[in-house]
Amino acid sequence: MSRSSAPGSKGWLAYYGGLVQACARRIGNRADAEDVAHDAVESLLRADSSVALQARRFLLQAAGHRAIDAWRRRERLVHVSWDAVPESEHPAAAGADPDAAVRASQLADALAAALAELPEKCRHAFMLNRIEGWTQQEIAAQMGLSTNMVERYVMRAAQHVRERLEGER
């Protein structure tokens, strides 16, 4: 049995070996698991003492959240600017349907109208997230908001746009 998981150990160190193993099973990569476990322990050490008393549960939950964050960062699609796509590959130009350009233009106008109906901060957060590809943390730092507020703005805007564009399809 390793020293870090000895039965008599106290505090977060008693759970570190098991935490790394649990993360490695979940992530499938020992090096990434160690990074996630390190971040979780760092959060525990920065937390107040009442959290540290429930170290095992806190560490597993924090590691799980960080594993999800790491997965999302890896899986995030690369953003390609509309201007970077050659005109021959634009969806309206690629199809043989002569009405495609008109429908695309109408959809773009409807999207612009739906976005114009939103409050400025909500619209700005949505455009940075969904159109420019920024993360919610990046938007929060740029706009001076909390990440939760940015998440609410983006969700509210997405729902609003979805409702407005349902009739446009």
N, C-alpha and C. Protein backbone atom coordinates (compact mmCIF):
# COMPACT_ATOMS: atom_id res chain seq x y z
N MET A 1 0.86 -1.18 0.00
CA MET A 1 0.00 0.00 0.00
C MET A 1 0.90 1.23 0.00
N SER A 2 0.53 2.20 -0.80
CA SER A 2 1.36 3.41 -0.90
C SER A 2 1.24 4.25 0.36
N ARG A 3 2.23 5.07 0.56
CA ARG A 3 2.27 5.92 1.74
C ARG A 3 1.12 6.91 1.73
N SER A 4 0.71 7.40 0.52
CA SER A 4 -0.34 8.41 0.45
C SER A 4 -1.72 7.86 0.76
N SER A 5 -1.88 6.52 0.71
CA SER A 5 -3.20 5.99 1.01
C SER A 5 -3.18 5.07 2.22
N ALA A 6 -2.20 5.25 3.09
CA ALA A 6 -2.11 4.45 4.30
C ALA A 6 -3.33 4.70 5.17
N PRO A 7 -3.82 3.66 5.86
CA PRO A 7 -5.05 3.81 6.65
C PRO A 7 -4.98 4.89 7.70
N GLY A 8 -3.81 5.15 8.28
CA GLY A 8 -3.71 6.14 9.35
C GLY A 8 -3.54 7.57 8.86
N SER A 9 -3.41 7.78 7.54
CA SER A 9 -3.18 9.13 7.00
C SER A 9 -4.39 10.02 7.23
N LYS A 10 -4.12 11.28 7.41
CA LYS A 10 -5.20 12.24 7.61
C LYS A 10 -5.13 13.30 6.52
N GLY A 11 -6.26 13.91 6.24
CA GLY A 11 -6.31 15.02 5.30
C GLY A 11 -6.36 14.56 3.85
N TRP A 12 -6.15 15.50 2.97
CA TRP A 12 -6.29 15.26 1.53
C TRP A 12 -5.28 14.27 0.98
N LEU A 13 -4.11 14.21 1.59
CA LEU A 13 -3.06 13.32 1.10
C LEU A 13 -3.48 11.85 1.16
N ALA A 14 -4.35 11.53 2.08
CA ALA A 14 -4.83 10.15 2.21
C ALA A 14 -5.63 9.73 0.98
N TYR A 15 -6.17 10.66 0.24
CA TYR A 15 -7.02 10.35 -0.90
C TYR A 15 -6.34 10.58 -2.25
N TYR A 16 -5.13 11.09 -2.23
CA TYR A 16 -4.50 11.51 -3.49
C TYR A 16 -4.28 10.35 -4.46
N GLY A 17 -3.74 9.23 -3.98
CA GLY A 17 -3.49 8.09 -4.86
C GLY A 17 -4.78 7.56 -5.48
N GLY A 18 -5.81 7.42 -4.66
CA GLY A 18 -7.11 6.97 -5.16
C GLY A 18 -7.72 7.96 -6.12
N LEU A 19 -7.50 9.24 -5.85
CA LEU A 19 -8.02 10.28 -6.73
C LEU A 19 -7.39 10.19 -8.12
N VAL A 20 -6.08 10.03 -8.14
CA VAL A 20 -5.38 9.92 -9.43
C VAL A 20 -5.88 8.68 -10.18
N GLN A 21 -6.05 7.56 -9.47
CA GLN A 21 -6.55 6.34 -10.12
C GLN A 21 -7.97 6.54 -10.66
N ALA A 22 -8.83 7.17 -9.88
CA ALA A 22 -10.20 7.41 -10.34
C ALA A 22 -10.21 8.31 -11.57
N CYS A 23 -9.37 9.33 -11.56
CA CYS A 23 -9.29 10.24 -12.71
C CYS A 23 -8.73 9.52 -13.93
N ALA A 24 -7.73 8.66 -13.72
CA ALA A 24 -7.14 7.92 -14.83
C ALA A 24 -8.16 6.98 -15.46
N ARG A 25 -8.99 6.35 -14.64
CA ARG A 25 -10.05 5.49 -15.19
C ARG A 25 -11.04 6.30 -16.00
N ARG A 26 -11.37 7.49 -15.52
CA ARG A 26 -12.37 8.32 -16.18
C ARG A 26 -11.83 8.96 -17.45
N ILE A 27 -10.58 9.42 -17.40
CA ILE A 27 -9.99 10.14 -18.53
C ILE A 27 -9.30 9.19 -19.50
N GLY A 28 -8.67 8.15 -18.96
CA GLY A 28 -7.98 7.20 -19.82
C GLY A 28 -6.52 7.56 -20.07
N ASN A 29 -6.01 8.56 -19.38
CA ASN A 29 -4.64 9.01 -19.59
C ASN A 29 -4.07 9.41 -18.22
N ARG A 30 -3.04 8.72 -17.79
CA ARG A 30 -2.49 8.95 -16.44
C ARG A 30 -1.93 10.36 -16.27
N ALA A 31 -1.25 10.88 -17.31
CA ALA A 31 -0.67 12.23 -17.20
C ALA A 31 -1.77 13.29 -17.04
N ASP A 32 -2.82 13.19 -17.84
CA ASP A 32 -3.94 14.13 -17.70
C ASP A 32 -4.62 13.95 -16.35
N ALA A 33 -4.72 12.70 -15.88
CA ALA A 33 -5.34 12.44 -14.59
C ALA A 33 -4.55 13.10 -13.46
N GLU A 34 -3.24 13.05 -13.54
CA GLU A 34 -2.42 13.70 -12.52
C GLU A 34 -2.60 15.21 -12.55
N ASP A 35 -2.72 15.79 -13.75
CA ASP A 35 -2.98 17.23 -13.86
C ASP A 35 -4.32 17.59 -13.22
N VAL A 36 -5.34 16.80 -13.52
CA VAL A 36 -6.68 17.05 -12.98
C VAL A 36 -6.65 16.92 -11.46
N ALA A 37 -6.00 15.87 -10.96
CA ALA A 37 -5.92 15.66 -9.51
C ALA A 37 -5.18 16.83 -8.85
N HIS A 38 -4.09 17.27 -9.46
CA HIS A 38 -3.33 18.41 -8.92
C HIS A 38 -4.21 19.65 -8.83
N ASP A 39 -4.98 19.93 -9.90
CA ASP A 39 -5.87 21.09 -9.88
C ASP A 39 -6.92 20.96 -8.79
N ALA A 40 -7.45 19.76 -8.60
CA ALA A 40 -8.47 19.54 -7.57
C ALA A 40 -7.88 19.76 -6.17
N VAL A 41 -6.67 19.26 -5.95
CA VAL A 41 -6.02 19.45 -4.64
C VAL A 41 -5.73 20.93 -4.43
N GLU A 42 -5.30 21.61 -5.46
CA GLU A 42 -5.04 23.04 -5.34
C GLU A 42 -6.31 23.78 -4.93
N SER A 43 -7.45 23.41 -5.52
CA SER A 43 -8.73 24.02 -5.13
C SER A 43 -9.05 23.73 -3.68
N LEU A 44 -8.78 22.50 -3.24
CA LEU A 44 -9.04 22.14 -1.85
C LEU A 44 -8.20 22.98 -0.91
N LEU A 45 -6.92 23.15 -1.24
CA LEU A 45 -6.04 23.90 -0.37
C LEU A 45 -6.40 25.38 -0.31
N ARG A 46 -7.02 25.88 -1.37
CA ARG A 46 -7.45 27.28 -1.38
C ARG A 46 -8.81 27.46 -0.70
N ALA A 47 -9.56 26.37 -0.54
CA ALA A 47 -10.89 26.44 0.06
C ALA A 47 -10.76 26.64 1.57
N ASP A 48 -11.88 26.97 2.20
CA ASP A 48 -11.83 27.15 3.65
C ASP A 48 -11.79 25.79 4.36
N SER A 49 -11.55 25.81 5.65
CA SER A 49 -11.33 24.58 6.40
C SER A 49 -12.56 23.68 6.46
N SER A 50 -13.76 24.23 6.36
CA SER A 50 -14.96 23.39 6.40
C SER A 50 -15.02 22.48 5.18
N VAL A 51 -14.51 22.92 4.06
CA VAL A 51 -14.46 22.09 2.86
C VAL A 51 -13.42 21.01 3.02
N ALA A 52 -12.29 21.35 3.61
CA ALA A 52 -11.20 20.40 3.78
C ALA A 52 -11.60 19.22 4.65
N LEU A 53 -12.58 19.40 5.54
CA LEU A 53 -13.05 18.30 6.38
C LEU A 53 -13.74 17.22 5.55
N GLN A 54 -14.27 17.60 4.42
CA GLN A 54 -14.93 16.64 3.53
C GLN A 54 -14.06 16.45 2.29
N ALA A 55 -12.77 16.25 2.50
CA ALA A 55 -11.78 16.26 1.43
C ALA A 55 -12.06 15.24 0.33
N ARG A 56 -12.38 14.02 0.68
CA ARG A 56 -12.52 12.98 -0.34
C ARG A 56 -13.63 13.33 -1.33
N ARG A 57 -14.78 13.67 -0.82
CA ARG A 57 -15.91 14.00 -1.70
C ARG A 57 -15.61 15.26 -2.52
N PHE A 58 -15.04 16.25 -1.88
CA PHE A 58 -14.69 17.49 -2.58
C PHE A 58 -13.69 17.22 -3.70
N LEU A 59 -12.66 16.44 -3.40
CA LEU A 59 -11.63 16.15 -4.41
C LEU A 59 -12.21 15.40 -5.60
N LEU A 60 -13.03 14.40 -5.34
CA LEU A 60 -13.62 13.64 -6.45
C LEU A 60 -14.54 14.52 -7.30
N GLN A 61 -15.32 15.35 -6.65
CA GLN A 61 -16.21 16.24 -7.40
C GLN A 61 -15.41 17.28 -8.18
N ALA A 62 -14.42 17.88 -7.55
CA ALA A 62 -13.60 18.89 -8.23
C ALA A 62 -12.84 18.27 -9.40
N ALA A 63 -12.31 17.09 -9.19
CA ALA A 63 -11.58 16.41 -10.27
C ALA A 63 -12.52 16.08 -11.42
N GLY A 64 -13.72 15.65 -11.10
CA GLY A 64 -14.70 15.37 -12.16
C GLY A 64 -15.01 16.59 -12.98
N HIS A 65 -15.19 17.73 -12.33
CA HIS A 65 -15.46 18.98 -13.05
C HIS A 65 -14.27 19.38 -13.92
N ARG A 66 -13.07 19.23 -13.38
CA ARG A 66 -11.89 19.59 -14.16
C ARG A 66 -11.66 18.63 -15.32
N ALA A 67 -12.02 17.37 -15.15
CA ALA A 67 -11.91 16.41 -16.26
C ALA A 67 -12.86 16.80 -17.39
N ILE A 68 -14.06 17.21 -17.03
CA ILE A 68 -15.02 17.66 -18.04
C ILE A 68 -14.50 18.91 -18.74
N ASP A 69 -13.95 19.85 -17.98
CA ASP A 69 -13.39 21.06 -18.58
C ASP A 69 -12.26 20.73 -19.55
N ALA A 70 -11.38 19.81 -19.15
CA ALA A 70 -10.27 19.41 -20.02
C ALA A 70 -10.78 18.76 -21.29
N TRP A 71 -11.78 17.91 -21.15
CA TRP A 71 -12.37 17.25 -22.33
C TRP A 71 -12.98 18.29 -23.26
N ARG A 72 -13.71 19.24 -22.70
CA ARG A 72 -14.34 20.28 -23.54
C ARG A 72 -13.30 21.11 -24.27
N ARG A 73 -12.20 21.43 -23.60
CA ARG A 73 -11.15 22.20 -24.27
C ARG A 73 -10.55 21.42 -25.42
N ARG A 74 -10.33 20.12 -25.22
CA ARG A 74 -9.76 19.29 -26.28
C ARG A 74 -10.72 19.11 -27.45
N GLU A 75 -12.00 18.97 -27.14
CA GLU A 75 -12.98 18.66 -28.16
C GLU A 75 -13.55 19.90 -28.85
N ARG A 76 -13.21 21.07 -28.38
CA ARG A 76 -13.74 22.30 -28.94
C ARG A 76 -13.32 22.45 -30.40
N LEU A 77 -14.28 22.72 -31.22
CA LEU A 77 -14.01 22.86 -32.64
C LEU A 77 -13.22 24.13 -32.92
N VAL A 78 -12.37 24.05 -33.91
CA VAL A 78 -11.60 25.21 -34.31
C VAL A 78 -12.54 26.16 -35.05
N HIS A 79 -12.51 27.41 -34.66
CA HIS A 79 -13.37 28.41 -35.28
C HIS A 79 -12.74 28.90 -36.58
N VAL A 80 -13.54 28.87 -37.64
CA VAL A 80 -13.07 29.36 -38.93
C VAL A 80 -13.93 30.58 -39.27
N SER A 81 -13.27 31.68 -39.50
CA SER A 81 -13.98 32.92 -39.83
C SER A 81 -14.67 32.78 -41.18
N TRP A 82 -15.84 33.37 -41.30
CA TRP A 82 -16.60 33.35 -42.55
C TRP A 82 -15.76 33.94 -43.68
N ASP A 83 -14.97 34.95 -43.37
CA ASP A 83 -14.13 35.59 -44.38
C ASP A 83 -13.01 34.66 -44.87
N ALA A 84 -12.62 33.69 -44.04
CA ALA A 84 -11.54 32.78 -44.42
C ALA A 84 -12.02 31.66 -45.36
N VAL A 85 -13.33 31.46 -45.43
CA VAL A 85 -13.88 30.42 -46.31
C VAL A 85 -13.96 30.98 -47.73
N PRO A 86 -13.39 30.26 -48.71
CA PRO A 86 -13.48 30.76 -50.10
C PRO A 86 -14.94 30.91 -50.53
N GLU A 87 -15.21 31.92 -51.33
CA GLU A 87 -16.59 32.21 -51.72
C GLU A 87 -17.25 31.04 -52.44
N SER A 88 -16.46 30.25 -53.16
CA SER A 88 -17.02 29.10 -53.86
C SER A 88 -17.52 28.02 -52.90
N GLU A 89 -17.06 28.05 -51.63
CA GLU A 89 -17.48 27.07 -50.64
C GLU A 89 -18.56 27.58 -49.70
N HIS A 90 -19.03 28.81 -49.88
CA HIS A 90 -20.10 29.32 -49.04
C HIS A 90 -21.35 28.49 -49.30
N PRO A 91 -22.12 28.20 -48.27
CA PRO A 91 -23.30 27.34 -48.45
C PRO A 91 -24.27 27.85 -49.52
N ALA A 92 -24.45 29.15 -49.62
CA ALA A 92 -25.39 29.69 -50.60
C ALA A 92 -24.85 29.52 -52.02
N ALA A 93 -23.54 29.52 -52.20
CA ALA A 93 -22.95 29.41 -53.53
C ALA A 93 -22.69 27.96 -53.92
N ALA A 94 -22.56 27.07 -52.95
CA ALA A 94 -22.17 25.69 -53.23
C ALA A 94 -23.29 24.87 -53.84
N GLY A 95 -24.52 25.13 -53.47
CA GLY A 95 -25.64 24.32 -53.96
C GLY A 95 -26.11 24.74 -55.34
N ALA A 96 -26.83 23.83 -55.98
CA ALA A 96 -27.36 24.11 -57.31
C ALA A 96 -28.72 24.79 -57.23
N ASP A 97 -29.25 24.90 -56.01
CA ASP A 97 -30.57 25.50 -55.82
C ASP A 97 -30.48 27.01 -56.02
N PRO A 98 -31.21 27.54 -57.00
CA PRO A 98 -31.14 28.99 -57.26
C PRO A 98 -31.73 29.84 -56.13
N ASP A 99 -32.59 29.25 -55.30
CA ASP A 99 -33.22 30.00 -54.21
C ASP A 99 -32.38 29.97 -52.93
N ALA A 100 -31.29 29.22 -52.94
CA ALA A 100 -30.48 29.08 -51.73
C ALA A 100 -29.92 30.41 -51.26
N ALA A 101 -29.46 31.23 -52.20
CA ALA A 101 -28.90 32.54 -51.83
C ALA A 101 -29.96 33.43 -51.20
N VAL A 102 -31.16 33.39 -51.74
CA VAL A 102 -32.25 34.21 -51.20
C VAL A 102 -32.62 33.73 -49.79
N ARG A 103 -32.74 32.41 -49.62
CA ARG A 103 -33.07 31.87 -48.29
C ARG A 103 -31.97 32.18 -47.28
N ALA A 104 -30.72 32.08 -47.69
CA ALA A 104 -29.60 32.39 -46.79
C ALA A 104 -29.64 33.86 -46.40
N SER A 105 -29.94 34.72 -47.34
CA SER A 105 -30.03 36.15 -47.05
C SER A 105 -31.18 36.44 -46.09
N GLN A 106 -32.31 35.79 -46.31
CA GLN A 106 -33.47 35.99 -45.43
C GLN A 106 -33.17 35.48 -44.02
N LEU A 107 -32.49 34.34 -43.94
CA LEU A 107 -32.13 33.79 -42.64
C LEU A 107 -31.15 34.70 -41.92
N ALA A 108 -30.19 35.24 -42.65
CA ALA A 108 -29.22 36.17 -42.05
C ALA A 108 -29.93 37.43 -41.55
N ASP A 109 -30.89 37.94 -42.33
CA ASP A 109 -31.65 39.12 -41.90
C ASP A 109 -32.49 38.81 -40.66
N ALA A 110 -33.10 37.62 -40.62
CA ALA A 110 -33.90 37.23 -39.47
C ALA A 110 -33.03 37.07 -38.23
N LEU A 111 -31.83 36.52 -38.40
CA LEU A 111 -30.90 36.39 -37.29
C LEU A 111 -30.49 37.76 -36.77
N ALA A 112 -30.18 38.67 -37.66
CA ALA A 112 -29.79 40.03 -37.26
C ALA A 112 -30.94 40.71 -36.52
N ALA A 113 -32.17 40.53 -37.00
CA ALA A 113 -33.34 41.14 -36.34
C ALA A 113 -33.55 40.54 -34.96
N ALA A 114 -33.39 39.21 -34.83
CA ALA A 114 -33.56 38.55 -33.53
C ALA A 114 -32.49 39.02 -32.55
N LEU A 115 -31.27 39.15 -33.02
CA LEU A 115 -30.19 39.63 -32.15
C LEU A 115 -30.40 41.08 -31.74
N ALA A 116 -30.95 41.88 -32.64
CA ALA A 116 -31.19 43.29 -32.34
C ALA A 116 -32.23 43.47 -31.23
N GLU A 117 -33.09 42.48 -31.04
CA GLU A 117 -34.12 42.55 -30.00
C GLU A 117 -33.56 42.29 -28.60
N LEU A 118 -32.36 41.75 -28.52
CA LEU A 118 -31.76 41.40 -27.23
C LEU A 118 -31.10 42.61 -26.58
N PRO A 119 -31.00 42.59 -25.24
CA PRO A 119 -30.21 43.63 -24.56
C PRO A 119 -28.75 43.55 -25.02
N GLU A 120 -28.05 44.67 -24.94
CA GLU A 120 -26.70 44.76 -25.49
C GLU A 120 -25.74 43.72 -24.92
N LYS A 121 -25.69 43.58 -23.60
CA LYS A 121 -24.75 42.63 -22.99
C LYS A 121 -25.08 41.19 -23.38
N CYS A 122 -26.35 40.89 -23.43
CA CYS A 122 -26.80 39.55 -23.81
C CYS A 122 -26.39 39.26 -25.26
N ARG A 123 -26.64 40.20 -26.14
CA ARG A 123 -26.28 40.05 -27.56
C ARG A 123 -24.76 39.92 -27.73
N HIS A 124 -24.03 40.75 -27.02
CA HIS A 124 -22.56 40.74 -27.13
C HIS A 124 -21.99 39.40 -26.65
N ALA A 125 -22.48 38.90 -25.51
CA ALA A 125 -22.01 37.62 -24.98
C ALA A 125 -22.33 36.48 -25.96
N PHE A 126 -23.53 36.48 -26.52
CA PHE A 126 -23.93 35.45 -27.47
C PHE A 126 -23.05 35.47 -28.72
N MET A 127 -22.81 36.66 -29.25
CA MET A 127 -22.02 36.77 -30.47
C MET A 127 -20.57 36.33 -30.22
N LEU A 128 -20.01 36.72 -29.08
CA LEU A 128 -18.64 36.30 -28.79
C LEU A 128 -18.55 34.78 -28.63
N ASN A 129 -19.56 34.19 -27.98
CA ASN A 129 -19.53 32.76 -27.73
C ASN A 129 -19.87 31.94 -28.97
N ARG A 130 -20.98 32.23 -29.59
CA ARG A 130 -21.47 31.38 -30.67
C ARG A 130 -20.91 31.74 -32.04
N ILE A 131 -20.58 32.99 -32.24
CA ILE A 131 -20.11 33.40 -33.56
C ILE A 131 -18.58 33.50 -33.59
N GLU A 132 -17.99 34.08 -32.55
CA GLU A 132 -16.54 34.23 -32.52
C GLU A 132 -15.82 33.04 -31.90
N GLY A 133 -16.56 32.19 -31.17
CA GLY A 133 -15.96 30.98 -30.60
C GLY A 133 -15.24 31.18 -29.28
N TRP A 134 -15.50 32.27 -28.57
CA TRP A 134 -14.86 32.51 -27.28
C TRP A 134 -15.47 31.60 -26.23
N THR A 135 -14.68 31.26 -25.20
CA THR A 135 -15.21 30.51 -24.07
C THR A 135 -15.95 31.47 -23.15
N GLN A 136 -16.77 30.89 -22.27
CA GLN A 136 -17.51 31.74 -21.33
C GLN A 136 -16.56 32.44 -20.36
N GLN A 137 -15.46 31.78 -20.02
CA GLN A 137 -14.48 32.41 -19.12
C GLN A 137 -13.82 33.60 -19.81
N GLU A 138 -13.50 33.46 -21.09
CA GLU A 138 -12.89 34.57 -21.83
C GLU A 138 -13.85 35.75 -21.93
N ILE A 139 -15.12 35.44 -22.18
CA ILE A 139 -16.14 36.49 -22.29
C ILE A 139 -16.31 37.20 -20.95
N ALA A 140 -16.36 36.41 -19.87
CA ALA A 140 -16.52 36.99 -18.53
C ALA A 140 -15.38 37.95 -18.22
N ALA A 141 -14.17 37.55 -18.55
CA ALA A 141 -13.02 38.42 -18.29
C ALA A 141 -13.09 39.68 -19.15
N GLN A 142 -13.46 39.55 -20.41
CA GLN A 142 -13.55 40.69 -21.33
C GLN A 142 -14.64 41.67 -20.92
N MET A 143 -15.80 41.13 -20.51
CA MET A 143 -16.94 41.99 -20.21
C MET A 143 -17.03 42.39 -18.74
N GLY A 144 -16.16 41.82 -17.90
CA GLY A 144 -16.21 42.14 -16.47
C GLY A 144 -17.42 41.56 -15.78
N LEU A 145 -17.84 40.35 -16.18
CA LEU A 145 -19.00 39.68 -15.61
C LEU A 145 -18.56 38.37 -14.99
N SER A 146 -19.46 37.76 -14.23
CA SER A 146 -19.18 36.41 -13.72
C SER A 146 -19.46 35.41 -14.84
N THR A 147 -18.84 34.25 -14.72
CA THR A 147 -19.05 33.20 -15.72
C THR A 147 -20.52 32.76 -15.72
N ASN A 148 -21.14 32.72 -14.53
CA ASN A 148 -22.55 32.35 -14.46
C ASN A 148 -23.43 33.34 -15.22
N MET A 149 -23.11 34.62 -15.11
CA MET A 149 -23.90 35.62 -15.82
C MET A 149 -23.74 35.46 -17.33
N VAL A 150 -22.52 35.20 -17.78
CA VAL A 150 -22.29 34.98 -19.21
C VAL A 150 -23.07 33.77 -19.68
N GLU A 151 -23.06 32.71 -18.88
CA GLU A 151 -23.82 31.50 -19.24
C GLU A 151 -25.30 31.81 -19.37
N ARG A 152 -25.83 32.59 -18.44
CA ARG A 152 -27.26 32.97 -18.51
C ARG A 152 -27.54 33.80 -19.76
N TYR A 153 -26.67 34.77 -20.04
CA TYR A 153 -26.84 35.59 -21.24
C TYR A 153 -26.85 34.74 -22.51
N VAL A 154 -25.90 33.83 -22.62
CA VAL A 154 -25.80 33.00 -23.83
C VAL A 154 -27.02 32.09 -23.95
N MET A 155 -27.44 31.48 -22.85
CA MET A 155 -28.63 30.61 -22.89
C MET A 155 -29.88 31.41 -23.26
N ARG A 156 -30.02 32.57 -22.67
CA ARG A 156 -31.19 33.42 -22.95
C ARG A 156 -31.20 33.83 -24.42
N ALA A 157 -30.06 34.23 -24.94
CA ALA A 157 -29.97 34.65 -26.34
C ALA A 157 -30.22 33.48 -27.28
N ALA A 158 -29.67 32.32 -26.96
CA ALA A 158 -29.87 31.14 -27.81
C ALA A 158 -31.34 30.76 -27.87
N GLN A 159 -32.02 30.80 -26.74
CA GLN A 159 -33.44 30.49 -26.71
C GLN A 159 -34.23 31.52 -27.52
N HIS A 160 -33.90 32.78 -27.36
CA HIS A 160 -34.58 33.85 -28.08
C HIS A 160 -34.39 33.68 -29.60
N VAL A 161 -33.17 33.44 -30.02
CA VAL A 161 -32.87 33.27 -31.45
C VAL A 161 -33.58 32.04 -31.99
N ARG A 162 -33.55 30.94 -31.24
CA ARG A 162 -34.22 29.71 -31.66
C ARG A 162 -35.72 29.96 -31.88
N GLU A 163 -36.35 30.66 -30.93
CA GLU A 163 -37.79 30.95 -31.05
C GLU A 163 -38.09 31.83 -32.26
N ARG A 164 -37.25 32.84 -32.48
CA ARG A 164 -37.48 33.76 -33.60
C ARG A 164 -37.24 33.12 -34.96
N LEU A 165 -36.29 32.20 -35.02
CA LEU A 165 -35.93 31.60 -36.31
C LEU A 165 -36.70 30.34 -36.65
N GLU A 166 -37.54 29.85 -35.73
CA GLU A 166 -38.30 28.63 -36.02
C GLU A 166 -39.16 28.77 -37.27
N GLY A 167 -39.75 29.90 -37.48
CA GLY A 167 -40.59 30.11 -38.65
C GLY A 167 -39.82 30.38 -39.93
N GLU A 168 -38.52 30.60 -39.82
CA GLU A 168 -37.72 30.95 -40.99
C GLU A 168 -37.19 29.73 -41.75
N ARG A 169 -37.31 28.56 -41.17
CA ARG A 169 -36.73 27.38 -41.84
C ARG A 169 -37.58 26.89 -42.96
